[in-house]
Protein backbone atom coordinates (compact mmCIF):
# COMPACT_ATOMS: atom_id res chain seq x y z
CA MET A 1 105.42 27.44 8.05
CA ASN A 2 108.64 25.65 7.42
CA ILE A 3 107.99 22.91 10.43
CA ALA A 4 104.03 22.44 8.84
CA SER A 5 105.51 22.16 5.33
CA PHE A 6 108.43 19.27 6.44
CA ILE A 7 105.91 17.18 7.84
CA ALA A 8 103.26 17.45 5.61
CA ARG A 9 106.13 16.68 2.71
CA ARG A 10 107.17 13.42 4.99
CA ILE A 11 103.48 12.64 5.17
CA ALA A 12 102.54 12.74 1.50
CA PHE A 13 106.20 11.22 -0.11
CA ASN A 14 106.31 8.49 2.94
CA ARG A 15 106.84 5.09 0.95
CA GLN A 16 105.87 2.68 3.92
CA ARG A 17 102.62 0.68 2.97
CA SER A 18 99.89 1.74 4.52
CA PHE A 19 95.79 1.97 3.60
CA SER A 20 96.66 5.99 3.73
CA ARG A 21 99.13 5.72 0.86
CA PHE A 22 96.57 3.83 -1.14
CA ILE A 23 94.00 6.82 -0.50
CA ILE A 24 96.57 9.05 -1.45
CA ARG A 25 97.32 7.94 -4.83
CA LEU A 26 93.75 7.02 -5.39
CA ALA A 27 92.68 11.07 -4.46
CA ILE A 28 95.38 11.91 -7.08
CA ALA A 29 93.96 9.55 -9.71
CA ALA A 30 90.96 11.22 -9.21
CA THR A 31 91.64 14.87 -9.23
CA ALA A 32 93.65 13.91 -12.72
CA ILE A 33 91.19 12.02 -13.97
CA SER A 34 88.55 15.31 -13.36
CA VAL A 35 90.96 17.85 -14.70
CA ALA A 36 91.97 16.02 -17.48
CA VAL A 37 87.74 15.89 -18.42
CA MET A 38 87.60 18.89 -17.51
CA ILE A 39 90.34 20.32 -20.09
CA MET A 40 88.67 17.79 -22.44
CA THR A 41 85.32 19.07 -22.49
CA LEU A 42 86.08 22.56 -23.17
CA ALA A 43 88.69 21.70 -25.69
CA PHE A 44 85.52 19.39 -27.89
CA VAL A 45 82.84 21.72 -26.74
CA ASN A 46 84.90 24.58 -28.21
CA GLY A 47 86.32 22.94 -31.84
CA PHE A 48 82.69 21.73 -32.02
CA GLN A 49 80.78 24.94 -31.77
CA GLU A 50 83.97 26.05 -34.37
CA ALA A 51 83.70 23.70 -36.19
CA VAL A 52 79.77 23.83 -36.94
CA SER A 53 79.90 27.50 -36.99
CA GLN A 54 82.78 28.24 -39.47
CA LYS A 55 80.34 25.77 -41.96
CA ILE A 56 77.45 27.55 -41.94
CA PHE A 57 79.94 30.96 -42.35
CA SER A 58 81.86 29.78 -44.98
CA PHE A 59 79.00 28.54 -47.05
CA TRP A 60 76.83 32.27 -46.49
CA GLY A 61 79.25 34.35 -44.89
CA HIS A 62 78.42 36.14 -41.77
CA LEU A 63 75.77 38.63 -42.90
CA ARG A 64 73.78 38.98 -46.20
CA VAL A 65 72.50 41.99 -47.36
CA GLN A 66 69.14 42.01 -49.88
CA TYR A 67 65.89 43.76 -50.63
CA TYR A 68 64.28 44.17 -47.54
CA GLU A 69 60.67 41.89 -47.44
CA GLN A 70 58.93 41.44 -44.05
CA TYR A 71 57.30 38.63 -44.72
CA LYS A 72 59.34 36.79 -47.08
CA ALA A 73 61.17 33.47 -45.96
CA ALA A 74 64.84 33.67 -45.17
CA ILE A 75 65.61 31.15 -47.65
CA ALA A 76 64.10 31.81 -50.69
CA GLU A 77 65.10 33.38 -54.23
CA GLU A 78 65.62 37.10 -53.65
CA SER A 79 64.28 40.41 -55.09
CA PRO A 80 66.68 42.04 -57.10
CA ILE A 81 68.74 44.96 -55.72
CA GLU A 82 71.15 47.29 -57.77
CA LYS A 83 75.31 46.13 -57.37
CA THR A 84 76.36 49.78 -56.67
CA ASP A 85 80.24 49.99 -56.09
CA SER A 86 79.36 52.91 -53.85
CA ILE A 87 77.14 50.73 -51.27
CA VAL A 88 79.86 48.04 -51.64
CA HIS A 89 82.67 50.92 -50.63
CA GLN A 90 80.17 52.01 -47.76
CA ILE A 91 80.38 48.43 -46.19
CA TYR A 92 83.66 48.17 -46.16
CA GLN A 93 83.93 51.08 -43.99
CA VAL A 94 82.91 49.42 -41.72
CA GLN A 95 85.59 48.41 -39.21
CA GLY A 96 85.33 44.55 -38.86
CA VAL A 97 84.33 44.14 -42.42
CA LYS A 98 86.78 41.27 -44.04
CA LYS A 99 84.92 40.64 -47.82
CA VAL A 100 81.71 41.34 -49.90
CA GLN A 101 80.62 39.17 -52.38
CA ALA A 102 77.39 39.48 -54.59
CA PHE A 103 74.97 36.33 -55.11
CA ALA A 104 71.29 35.47 -56.30
CA THR A 105 69.50 32.30 -56.21
CA LYS A 106 66.47 30.70 -58.24
CA TYR A 107 64.52 27.27 -57.48
CA ALA A 108 65.67 24.83 -60.28
CA ILE A 109 64.79 21.27 -60.99
CA LEU A 110 67.36 18.26 -62.04
CA LYS A 111 66.38 15.71 -64.49
CA VAL A 112 68.43 12.58 -65.01
CA SER A 113 66.74 9.47 -66.64
CA GLY A 114 63.27 9.97 -65.08
CA SER A 115 64.65 11.00 -61.64
CA ILE A 116 63.98 14.55 -60.38
CA GLU A 117 65.28 17.02 -57.80
CA GLY A 118 64.69 20.07 -56.44
CA ILE A 119 67.83 22.83 -55.98
CA LEU A 120 68.19 26.17 -54.83
CA PHE A 121 70.56 26.98 -57.78
CA LYS A 122 73.20 30.01 -55.70
CA GLY A 123 74.93 31.85 -58.54
CA VAL A 124 77.92 33.72 -58.22
CA GLU A 125 80.48 35.68 -59.76
CA LYS A 126 83.86 35.20 -61.24
CA ASP A 127 85.97 36.93 -58.48
CA TYR A 128 83.82 34.91 -55.93
CA ASP A 129 86.65 33.68 -53.45
CA PHE A 130 85.93 29.59 -53.10
CA GLY A 131 89.13 29.21 -50.83
CA SER A 132 86.68 29.21 -47.82
CA MET A 133 84.70 26.88 -49.30
CA ASP A 134 87.54 24.39 -50.10
CA GLN A 135 87.18 22.15 -47.05
CA PHE A 136 83.82 21.16 -48.77
CA LEU A 137 84.88 20.02 -51.68
CA THR A 138 84.99 16.06 -52.44
CA GLN A 139 85.66 15.29 -55.84
CA GLY A 140 86.11 17.50 -58.88
CA ARG A 141 86.43 21.71 -58.69
CA TRP A 142 84.48 25.01 -58.84
CA VAL A 143 82.85 26.20 -61.45
CA HIS A 144 85.09 28.61 -63.95
CA PHE A 145 83.43 31.41 -65.91
CA ASN A 146 83.64 32.98 -69.43
CA ASP A 147 83.81 36.68 -70.18
CA SER A 148 81.75 36.30 -73.06
CA THR A 149 78.50 34.26 -72.05
CA TYR A 150 77.55 32.35 -68.83
CA SER A 151 79.20 29.41 -67.69
CA ARG A 152 77.21 25.97 -68.12
CA GLU A 153 78.79 24.21 -64.98
CA ILE A 154 77.34 23.37 -61.78
CA VAL A 155 78.38 22.31 -58.47
CA LEU A 156 76.00 19.49 -56.79
CA SER A 157 76.34 17.84 -52.79
CA GLU A 158 77.40 14.61 -53.18
CA TYR A 159 73.61 14.01 -51.74
CA THR A 160 71.64 15.26 -54.51
CA ALA A 161 74.42 13.30 -57.27
CA ASN A 162 73.40 10.36 -55.52
CA GLN A 163 70.04 10.82 -55.59
CA LEU A 164 69.98 11.42 -59.71
CA GLY A 165 73.25 9.07 -59.81
CA LEU A 166 75.13 11.84 -61.26
CA LYS A 167 79.12 11.94 -61.31
CA VAL A 168 81.71 14.71 -62.33
CA ASN A 169 81.49 15.48 -65.76
CA ASP A 170 77.97 13.85 -66.22
CA ARG A 171 75.46 16.39 -67.92
CA VAL A 172 72.22 16.84 -66.55
CA LEU A 173 69.18 18.68 -67.55
CA ILE A 174 68.51 21.75 -64.89
CA TYR A 175 64.52 23.03 -65.56
CA PHE A 176 64.25 27.36 -64.32
CA PHE A 177 60.85 28.67 -63.52
CA ARG A 178 60.27 31.69 -64.89
CA GLY A 179 57.07 32.85 -63.92
CA GLU A 180 53.68 31.52 -62.90
CA ASP A 181 52.14 32.13 -67.03
CA GLN A 182 55.60 30.95 -68.22
CA LYS A 183 56.59 27.21 -68.98
CA PRO A 184 60.21 25.88 -67.20
CA ARG A 185 63.13 26.66 -69.14
CA PRO A 186 65.59 23.53 -69.85
CA ASP A 187 68.91 23.76 -69.96
CA LYS A 188 71.98 21.31 -69.60
CA LEU A 189 75.05 21.89 -67.24
CA THR A 190 77.63 20.04 -66.79
CA VAL A 191 78.31 19.01 -63.24
CA VAL A 192 82.33 19.59 -62.33
CA GLY A 193 82.43 19.41 -58.88
CA LEU A 194 80.90 17.55 -55.46
CA TYR A 195 80.94 19.14 -52.09
CA LYS A 196 79.58 17.76 -48.76
CA THR A 197 79.08 19.78 -45.50
CA ASN A 198 77.29 17.45 -43.62
CA MET A 199 74.18 19.60 -42.81
CA GLU A 200 71.17 18.73 -44.43
CA GLU A 201 70.30 22.60 -44.90
CA TYR A 202 73.38 22.91 -47.68
CA ASP A 203 73.45 19.72 -48.74
CA LYS A 204 69.92 18.91 -49.55
CA LEU A 205 69.17 22.32 -51.00
CA TYR A 206 71.52 23.77 -53.07
CA GLY A 207 73.98 23.73 -56.22
CA ILE A 208 76.34 26.62 -57.02
CA GLY A 209 76.82 28.16 -60.67
CA ASP A 210 76.65 31.63 -62.58
CA LEU A 211 75.21 34.53 -61.25
CA THR A 212 74.78 35.70 -65.14
CA LEU A 213 72.72 32.89 -65.88
CA VAL A 214 70.61 33.38 -62.97
CA GLN A 215 70.26 37.17 -64.38
CA ARG A 216 69.06 36.05 -67.87
CA LEU A 217 66.42 33.91 -66.66
CA ASN A 218 65.31 36.71 -64.12
CA ASP A 219 65.66 39.01 -67.29
CA TRP A 220 67.56 41.13 -64.85
CA SER A 221 70.44 43.70 -66.46
CA ALA A 222 74.14 42.77 -65.32
CA GLY A 223 73.83 45.53 -62.92
CA GLU A 224 71.13 43.74 -60.75
CA ILE A 225 72.33 41.27 -57.84
CA GLY A 226 70.04 38.82 -55.28
CA GLY A 227 72.42 40.54 -52.70
CA TYR A 228 75.55 40.56 -50.75
CA GLU A 229 77.09 37.91 -48.27
CA ILE A 230 79.52 39.61 -46.07
CA PHE A 231 82.55 37.97 -43.99
CA LEU A 232 84.10 39.31 -41.07
CA ASN A 233 87.00 39.47 -39.15
CA ASP A 234 85.71 37.77 -35.99
CA TYR A 235 82.55 36.74 -36.28
CA HIS A 236 81.37 37.45 -32.58
CA GLN A 237 80.88 40.53 -33.60
CA MET A 238 78.24 40.32 -36.00
CA ASP A 239 75.41 42.03 -34.57
CA GLU A 240 77.49 45.13 -33.54
CA VAL A 241 78.65 44.88 -37.42
CA ASN A 242 75.13 44.49 -38.46
CA GLU A 243 73.66 47.03 -37.18
CA ARG A 244 76.39 49.27 -38.55
CA ILE A 245 76.06 48.15 -41.33
CA PHE A 246 71.87 48.42 -41.60
CA GLU A 247 72.33 52.24 -41.40
CA ALA A 248 74.90 52.77 -44.22
CA LEU A 249 72.14 50.86 -46.22
CA PRO A 250 69.26 52.48 -48.75
CA GLY A 251 66.00 52.42 -46.93
CA GLU A 252 64.42 49.71 -49.63
CA TRP A 253 67.36 47.24 -48.97
CA GLY A 254 67.94 45.25 -45.12
CA SER A 255 70.95 43.65 -43.29
CA LYS A 256 70.52 39.58 -41.23
CA THR A 257 73.20 37.82 -40.05
CA ILE A 258 73.88 34.21 -40.48
CA LYS A 259 71.88 33.82 -36.44
CA ASP A 260 68.64 35.07 -37.74
CA ILE A 261 68.73 33.04 -40.47
CA TYR A 262 69.56 29.69 -39.13
CA PRO A 263 68.41 30.45 -35.35
CA ASN A 264 67.55 26.87 -34.55
CA ILE A 265 71.40 25.56 -35.42
CA PHE A 266 73.10 28.47 -33.47
CA ASP A 267 70.34 27.98 -30.42
CA TRP A 268 71.37 24.04 -30.33
CA LEU A 269 75.15 25.35 -30.22
CA ARG A 270 74.18 27.79 -27.01
CA LEU A 271 72.96 24.10 -25.50
CA GLN A 272 76.39 22.43 -25.47
CA ASP A 273 77.14 25.45 -22.74
CA VAL A 274 75.31 24.03 -20.70
CA ASN A 275 76.10 20.47 -21.43
CA ARG A 276 79.73 21.67 -20.32
CA ASN A 277 79.10 23.74 -17.33
CA VAL A 278 77.44 20.67 -15.81
CA VAL A 279 80.15 18.19 -16.74
CA LEU A 280 82.71 20.59 -14.86
CA GLY A 281 80.44 21.10 -12.42
CA VAL A 282 80.24 17.23 -11.74
CA MET A 283 84.19 16.99 -12.33
CA ILE A 284 85.44 19.56 -9.67
CA ILE A 285 82.72 17.87 -6.85
CA ILE A 286 83.99 14.40 -7.47
CA ALA A 287 87.54 15.87 -6.86
CA ILE A 288 86.35 18.16 -3.93
CA ILE A 289 84.50 15.18 -2.20
CA ASN A 290 87.68 12.17 -2.88
CA LEU A 291 90.10 14.95 -1.86
CA ILE A 292 88.42 15.70 1.32
CA THR A 293 87.52 11.97 1.70
CA CYS A 294 91.55 11.33 1.89
CA LEU A 295 92.34 13.91 4.20
CA ILE A 296 89.71 12.85 6.71
CA ILE A 297 90.79 8.99 6.50
CA MET A 298 94.37 10.47 6.87
CA VAL A 299 93.50 12.50 10.06
CA LEU A 300 91.94 9.57 11.92
CA GLU A 301 95.18 7.38 10.33
CA ARG A 302 97.85 10.29 11.65
CA THR A 303 95.97 10.44 15.52
CA ARG A 304 98.90 9.28 17.05
CA MET A 305 101.37 11.69 15.18
CA ILE A 306 98.94 14.69 16.06
CA GLY A 307 98.97 13.80 19.57
CA VAL A 308 102.21 13.28 20.39
CA LEU A 309 102.66 16.87 17.96
CA LYS A 310 100.17 18.62 20.47
CA ALA A 311 102.15 16.65 23.82
CA LEU A 312 105.17 18.49 22.44
CA GLY A 313 103.81 21.77 22.18
CA ALA A 314 102.32 22.19 18.61
CA THR A 315 99.59 24.58 18.31
CA ASP A 316 96.30 23.25 16.56
CA TRP A 317 96.85 25.65 13.99
CA LEU A 318 100.10 24.46 13.01
CA VAL A 319 98.73 20.60 13.36
CA GLN A 320 95.82 22.13 10.76
CA ARG A 321 98.73 23.88 8.64
CA VAL A 322 100.21 20.55 8.25
CA PHE A 323 97.46 18.63 6.56
CA THR A 324 96.42 21.53 4.86
CA ILE A 325 99.83 21.73 3.10
CA GLN A 326 99.33 17.80 2.39
CA GLY A 327 96.02 18.23 0.97
CA VAL A 328 97.76 20.91 -1.37
CA ILE A 329 100.27 18.54 -2.44
CA ILE A 330 97.76 15.69 -3.25
CA ALA A 331 95.65 18.46 -4.97
CA SER A 332 98.64 19.80 -7.19
CA ALA A 333 100.11 16.38 -7.82
CA GLY A 334 96.74 15.23 -9.50
CA ILE A 335 96.26 18.42 -11.44
CA LEU A 336 99.82 18.29 -12.73
CA LEU A 337 99.09 14.68 -13.59
CA GLY A 338 95.08 15.56 -15.16
CA LEU A 339 96.67 18.59 -17.43
CA LEU A 340 99.09 16.14 -18.86
CA ILE A 341 96.55 13.35 -19.54
CA GLY A 342 94.24 16.19 -20.88
CA LEU A 343 96.34 18.06 -22.58
CA GLY A 344 98.20 14.65 -24.40
CA ILE A 345 94.22 13.34 -25.93
CA CYS A 346 93.40 16.62 -27.09
CA TYR A 347 96.84 16.58 -28.87
CA THR A 348 96.47 12.85 -30.16
CA GLN A 349 93.09 13.85 -31.57
CA LEU A 350 94.22 16.85 -33.17
CA LYS A 351 96.55 15.37 -35.45
CA THR A 352 95.27 11.67 -35.70
CA GLY A 353 91.06 12.25 -35.09
CA PHE A 354 90.77 8.71 -33.46
CA LEU A 355 87.98 9.86 -31.70
CA LYS A 356 84.67 9.95 -34.05
CA PHE A 357 81.25 10.83 -33.87
CA TRP A 358 78.74 7.79 -34.27
CA ASP A 359 76.40 9.58 -35.83
CA GLU A 360 77.98 12.09 -38.71
CA ASP A 361 74.33 13.44 -39.80
CA ALA A 362 73.49 13.80 -36.89
CA TYR A 363 76.63 16.24 -35.58
CA TYR A 364 77.33 17.76 -39.06
CA MET A 365 81.01 15.96 -38.99
CA LEU A 366 82.54 12.82 -38.57
CA VAL A 367 85.57 13.82 -36.25
CA ILE A 368 85.41 15.21 -33.04
CA PRO A 369 87.25 18.98 -33.28
CA VAL A 370 89.34 20.07 -30.98
CA LYS A 371 90.06 23.86 -30.12
CA VAL A 372 92.26 24.37 -27.02
CA VAL A 373 91.87 27.90 -25.23
CA TRP A 374 94.78 28.71 -23.29
CA TRP A 375 93.51 30.77 -20.42
CA GLU A 376 90.42 28.35 -20.04
CA VAL A 377 92.86 25.26 -19.11
CA LEU A 378 94.94 28.13 -16.71
CA LEU A 379 91.32 28.83 -15.43
CA VAL A 380 90.60 25.33 -14.88
CA VAL A 381 94.26 24.18 -13.24
CA LEU A 382 93.99 27.48 -11.11
CA GLY A 383 90.29 27.27 -9.83
CA THR A 384 90.76 23.99 -9.33
CA LEU A 385 93.51 24.38 -6.77
CA VAL A 386 91.47 27.32 -5.03
CA VAL A 387 88.69 25.82 -4.62
CA CYS A 388 90.44 22.54 -3.51
CA THR A 389 92.67 24.69 -1.05
CA LEU A 390 89.81 26.27 0.38
CA THR A 391 87.60 23.32 0.66
CA LEU A 392 90.29 21.44 2.55
CA LEU A 393 90.11 23.75 5.32
CA ILE A 394 87.13 21.69 6.28
CA PRO A 395 88.26 18.54 7.30
CA THR A 396 91.10 19.73 8.88
CA LEU A 397 89.17 21.13 11.88
CA VAL A 398 88.41 17.17 12.57
CA SER A 399 92.56 17.57 14.45
CA ARG A 400 91.61 20.24 16.64
CA ARG A 401 89.11 18.43 18.17
CA ILE A 402 91.69 15.97 19.34
CA GLN A 403 93.13 15.68 22.91
CA PRO A 404 97.00 14.83 23.35
CA ALA A 405 95.99 11.92 26.30
CA LYS A 406 93.73 10.14 24.18
CA ALA A 407 95.58 10.46 21.32
CA VAL A 408 98.33 8.77 22.47
CA GLN A 409 96.99 5.81 23.35
CA PHE A 410 94.65 5.35 20.03
CA ARG A 411 94.97 2.02 18.65
């Protein structure tokens, strides 16, 4: 094995100008590009899925509990449920639950100088944690609450504000619909903040204000709410936690995961896994084909050397090991270089955000997000090395067919 390693290293790091030297560099470069692309593909797909998911969760939580109505749309005004400390306590007892917050929604129309825009007014309580939504706030602040009466403040999306020509601190006339037989009730609210999620499902629909205002408009008591939004420690456990919470709820209540409410978005995110797998497969095939081609050329160029080794008593297996080790050296150099390139680009993107999407509205964000999962990087490195090493046994079989007498005379 030491003899095979010595010969393989001498061939691989030969400084003499030759065609095989060029082929070796080309194989290393192709392997490096393949590994770098695989690492970047995993990091970009992971980052994109994580960023879009977190945008959805930050606005509505991971689970939603409200009055169960089978044929009612997922996004609509809720029927009231009683705010019960015992139920909230039971929800918190479910493993994985991080936070429970009350909410209620109400359809409304905003009017400014003849222009109107429909919204779904989302009311929240004064202890509502806006921390998860701070990333969306582009101007102003979140709503401040009053102890004596309801807050006359509202936070709108940049889209809605631009449609109506509104800015922070402007006053807007808002009409709430109280029932089929009652006239819309007007009110004036102050726009105290603007948000932007780049998601049409939120930016074109929601305004955020005081839950007490929704209660008054619906003639609810102070203890009635539209429902609870629930945040989890790990969003991958949504389905399991949802089943446990559902069992703890009263019979007329129901719970849904955010995936049930926005299935189209999560189906689209799962499609990114298919694209990722296709790219990974193509890159591995490119690396393998380049290494096989490189090794076949090197075997043919070293035909005389093979003949001399066999004439001196080298076995077919020794010659085969020489070229197998040489292939592993080339593959390892390419993998190491690709690892440095891939992680370097990911780190640069994380710090500078120089790579951007060409359509911000289509992808819900402008800067391409990055999330490097280290076990995936390790799997790419080891997987590429193992697959390439096993595949490299194929071209080395060519050396077994070379006869010493003919090889020495080969030109």
